[in-house]
Amino acid sequence: MSQPFTTLSGHAAPMPEENIDTDIIFPARFLLITAKAGLGRYAFHDRRFDADGAEIPDYVLNRAPFNAAPFIVAGANFGSGSSREQAVWAIAGLGVRCIIAAGFGEIFHSNCQRNGILPITLPAETVAELMVAAQTEQTFAVDLEAQSLTVGNRAFAFDIAPERKLALLNGWDETAVLLHQYSGAIAEFETRQKASAPWLYAEDDAS
């Protein structure tokens, strides 16, 4: 389960480079770390820190206000490369809840939605405008229910699959999504199984 996503506002970190892949987002040498907690420290590690571990001052995520931005505006094909889910966990660990780009790596896009991050795909020319807005520190606001992104006096509609929207709005993980979709069928199966194989439920009944 993740924090429900309803509305979000704040600055956006501009990352205009195209093809920022998952190895840039979460370097392969950290893949042995499988726990979600604390992965934010490794996000974009080799761009945020020098060889001695000191912050690189002019990198976007090390500069205010972008070091606390809940949005990223990215170049095309963001999150391409390997399927490592840690890339999404690391971005979430930075406090980012929404990424805007003209296109995403397919698996990365799915992993975002499964981990409480809203990926918004918009036309390249629109993303170029939003990149300028991010660079000039304008405030971004998104309303997931309305499927609307607002920057300044402009609003941009975006698409999202209904089932993914519902999951984000409720903070559901994949297990919760399945329970929501198939709770009736699961209950019917358990009722039938209890009648045909009651010994499977004897311990539960005794408690």
Protein backbone atom coordinates (compact mmCIF):
# COMPACT_ATOMS: atom_id res chain seq x y z
CA MET A 1 0.00 0.00 0.00
CA SER A 2 1.14 3.55 -0.72
CA GLN A 3 -0.17 6.97 0.20
CA PRO A 4 -3.34 7.71 -1.79
CA PHE A 5 -2.75 10.11 -4.66
CA THR A 6 -5.47 12.75 -5.02
CA THR A 7 -3.93 16.18 -5.59
CA LEU A 8 -0.34 17.39 -5.61
CA SER A 9 1.33 20.78 -5.94
CA GLY A 10 4.84 22.16 -5.86
CA HIS A 11 7.90 22.78 -7.98
CA ALA A 12 9.11 20.48 -10.73
CA ALA A 13 12.72 19.43 -11.24
CA PRO A 14 13.63 19.94 -14.92
CA MET A 15 15.54 17.07 -16.56
CA PRO A 16 15.57 17.88 -20.29
CA GLU A 17 17.99 15.13 -21.28
CA GLU A 18 16.41 12.32 -23.30
CA ASN A 19 16.87 8.61 -22.59
CA ILE A 20 17.58 8.88 -18.87
CA ASP A 21 17.57 5.17 -18.18
CA THR A 22 17.13 3.11 -15.04
CA ASP A 23 20.89 2.69 -14.62
CA ILE A 24 21.22 6.46 -14.33
CA ILE A 25 18.28 6.58 -11.94
CA PHE A 26 19.50 3.66 -9.82
CA PRO A 27 23.03 2.42 -10.66
CA ALA A 28 23.40 -1.34 -11.09
CA ARG A 29 25.97 -1.71 -8.31
CA PHE A 30 23.22 -0.98 -5.76
CA LEU A 31 20.88 -3.73 -7.02
CA LEU A 32 21.72 -6.00 -4.10
CA ILE A 33 19.75 -3.55 -1.94
CA THR A 34 16.18 -4.88 -2.13
CA ALA A 35 14.46 -2.98 0.69
CA LYS A 36 12.36 0.01 -0.37
CA ALA A 37 13.14 2.14 2.66
CA GLY A 38 16.01 4.56 2.27
CA LEU A 39 16.59 4.11 -1.46
CA GLY A 40 16.17 7.83 -2.09
CA ARG A 41 19.82 8.34 -1.15
CA TYR A 42 20.83 6.30 -4.22
CA ALA A 43 18.57 8.01 -6.76
CA PHE A 44 20.63 9.57 -9.59
CA HIS A 45 23.61 8.78 -7.35
CA ASP A 46 26.40 9.29 -9.86
CA ARG A 47 24.99 12.65 -10.90
CA ARG A 48 24.23 13.89 -7.41
CA PHE A 49 27.57 12.93 -5.82
CA ASP A 50 31.23 13.01 -6.80
CA ALA A 51 33.72 10.18 -6.31
CA ASP A 52 34.24 11.23 -2.69
CA GLY A 53 30.52 11.19 -1.92
CA ALA A 54 30.15 14.97 -1.78
CA GLU A 55 27.15 16.62 -3.40
CA ILE A 56 27.71 18.14 -6.83
CA PRO A 57 26.33 21.64 -6.20
CA ASP A 58 25.07 22.45 -9.69
CA TYR A 59 23.11 19.22 -10.24
CA VAL A 60 19.41 19.98 -10.38
CA LEU A 61 18.40 17.71 -7.49
CA ASN A 62 20.98 19.36 -5.24
CA ARG A 63 19.65 22.88 -5.79
CA ALA A 64 16.70 24.52 -4.06
CA PRO A 65 13.80 24.44 -4.76
CA PHE A 66 14.30 21.35 -6.94
CA ASN A 67 15.85 19.28 -4.16
CA ALA A 68 12.41 19.07 -2.58
CA ALA A 69 10.30 19.05 -5.75
CA PRO A 70 7.43 16.53 -5.89
CA PHE A 71 7.39 16.70 -9.71
CA ILE A 72 9.94 15.88 -12.40
CA VAL A 73 9.63 17.13 -15.99
CA ALA A 74 11.78 14.82 -18.05
CA GLY A 75 13.06 14.33 -21.56
CA ALA A 76 11.59 11.65 -23.81
CA ASN A 77 12.01 7.94 -23.06
CA PHE A 78 12.50 8.49 -19.35
CA GLY A 79 13.07 5.28 -17.39
CA SER A 80 14.13 3.16 -20.36
CA GLY A 81 16.53 0.27 -19.90
CA SER A 82 16.30 -2.55 -17.39
CA SER A 83 13.17 -3.44 -15.46
CA ARG A 84 14.67 -2.78 -12.00
CA GLU A 85 11.84 -1.64 -9.73
CA GLN A 86 14.36 -0.04 -7.39
CA ALA A 87 14.55 2.87 -9.86
CA VAL A 88 10.96 3.78 -9.00
CA TRP A 89 11.46 3.12 -5.29
CA ALA A 90 14.47 5.44 -5.29
CA ILE A 91 12.57 8.25 -7.01
CA ALA A 92 9.71 7.81 -4.57
CA GLY A 93 12.28 8.00 -1.77
CA LEU A 94 13.15 11.53 -2.95
CA GLY A 95 9.52 12.54 -2.39
CA VAL A 96 8.64 12.65 -6.10
CA ARG A 97 5.02 11.65 -6.79
CA CYS A 98 4.57 12.75 -10.41
CA ILE A 99 6.78 12.54 -13.52
CA ILE A 100 5.88 14.30 -16.77
CA ALA A 101 7.47 13.29 -20.08
CA ALA A 102 6.70 12.74 -23.75
CA GLY A 103 7.35 9.04 -23.27
CA PHE A 104 8.52 6.48 -20.73
CA GLY A 105 10.13 3.09 -20.67
CA GLU A 106 7.17 0.71 -20.68
CA ILE A 107 8.08 -1.30 -17.58
CA PHE A 108 9.17 1.82 -15.69
CA HIS A 109 5.80 3.42 -16.50
CA SER A 110 3.96 0.42 -15.06
CA ASN A 111 6.19 0.29 -12.00
CA CYS A 112 5.46 3.96 -11.29
CA GLN A 113 1.74 3.39 -11.16
CA ARG A 114 2.18 0.32 -8.96
CA ASN A 115 4.24 2.31 -6.45
CA GLY A 116 2.22 5.49 -5.96
CA ILE A 117 3.89 7.65 -8.63
CA LEU A 118 1.76 9.22 -11.38
CA PRO A 119 3.47 9.19 -14.80
CA ILE A 120 1.91 11.74 -17.16
CA THR A 121 2.54 11.40 -20.89
CA LEU A 122 1.99 14.57 -22.92
CA PRO A 123 2.98 15.68 -26.45
CA ALA A 124 6.61 16.70 -26.89
CA GLU A 125 5.74 20.33 -27.60
CA THR A 126 3.70 20.52 -24.40
CA VAL A 127 6.50 18.97 -22.38
CA ALA A 128 8.89 21.55 -23.87
CA GLU A 129 6.63 24.33 -22.52
CA LEU A 130 6.44 22.64 -19.15
CA MET A 131 10.21 22.26 -19.07
CA VAL A 132 10.54 26.03 -19.32
CA ALA A 133 7.94 26.43 -16.58
CA ALA A 134 9.90 24.06 -14.37
CA GLN A 135 13.19 25.84 -15.05
CA THR A 136 11.61 29.17 -14.11
CA GLU A 137 10.32 27.68 -10.84
CA GLN A 138 6.62 27.91 -11.60
CA THR A 139 4.21 25.93 -9.44
CA PHE A 140 2.72 22.74 -10.81
CA ALA A 141 -0.58 21.28 -9.57
CA VAL A 142 -2.25 18.02 -10.51
CA ASP A 143 -5.74 16.73 -9.76
CA LEU A 144 -5.89 13.02 -10.47
CA GLU A 145 -9.67 12.73 -10.16
CA ALA A 146 -10.10 15.47 -12.79
CA GLN A 147 -7.08 14.18 -14.78
CA SER A 148 -5.82 17.73 -15.01
CA LEU A 149 -2.37 19.30 -14.68
CA THR A 150 -2.29 23.05 -14.06
CA VAL A 151 0.71 25.33 -14.45
CA GLY A 152 0.11 29.06 -14.18
CA ASN A 153 -3.15 29.85 -15.96
CA ARG A 154 -2.98 26.82 -18.25
CA ALA A 155 -4.52 23.39 -17.71
CA PHE A 156 -3.50 20.20 -19.48
CA ALA A 157 -5.63 17.05 -19.59
CA PHE A 158 -3.94 13.68 -19.43
CA ASP A 159 -4.98 10.06 -19.90
CA ILE A 160 -4.70 7.20 -17.43
CA ALA A 161 -6.24 3.74 -17.45
CA PRO A 162 -9.31 3.66 -15.16
CA GLU A 163 -8.02 0.74 -13.08
CA ARG A 164 -4.65 2.44 -12.51
CA LYS A 165 -6.37 5.70 -11.61
CA LEU A 166 -8.53 3.89 -9.05
CA ALA A 167 -5.48 2.19 -7.56
CA LEU A 168 -3.57 5.46 -7.22
CA LEU A 169 -6.53 7.29 -5.74
CA ASN A 170 -6.84 4.61 -3.07
CA GLY A 171 -3.16 3.89 -2.55
CA TRP A 172 -3.68 0.26 -3.53
CA ASP A 173 -0.86 -2.14 -4.27
CA GLU A 174 -1.33 -5.07 -6.66
CA THR A 175 -2.79 -7.30 -3.94
CA ALA A 176 -5.37 -4.68 -3.01
CA VAL A 177 -6.27 -4.22 -6.68
CA LEU A 178 -6.91 -7.95 -7.05
CA LEU A 179 -9.01 -8.04 -3.88
CA HIS A 180 -11.08 -5.13 -5.16
CA GLN A 181 -11.59 -6.72 -8.57
CA TYR A 182 -12.22 -10.29 -7.47
CA SER A 183 -13.42 -10.13 -3.85
CA GLY A 184 -16.81 -11.60 -4.80
CA ALA A 185 -15.26 -14.51 -6.71
CA ILE A 186 -12.79 -15.14 -3.87
CA ALA A 187 -15.59 -15.23 -1.30
CA GLU A 188 -17.63 -17.63 -3.46
CA PHE A 189 -14.63 -19.93 -3.90
CA GLU A 190 -13.95 -19.98 -0.15
CA THR A 191 -17.61 -20.81 0.57
CA ARG A 192 -17.55 -23.72 -1.88
CA GLN A 193 -14.19 -24.95 -0.60
CA LYS A 194 -15.34 -24.76 3.02
CA ALA A 195 -18.27 -27.02 2.15
CA SER A 196 -16.18 -29.53 0.16
CA ALA A 197 -12.99 -29.49 2.28
CA PRO A 198 -13.92 -28.23 5.76
CA TRP A 199 -10.70 -29.62 7.29
CA LEU A 200 -8.76 -26.86 5.54
CA TYR A 201 -10.59 -24.31 7.69
CA ALA A 202 -10.77 -26.24 10.99
CA GLU A 203 -8.02 -24.17 12.65
CA ASP A 204 -9.65 -20.89 11.57
CA ASP A 205 -13.04 -22.02 12.88
CA ALA A 206 -11.52 -23.10 16.21
CA SER A 207 -9.94 -19.73 16.74
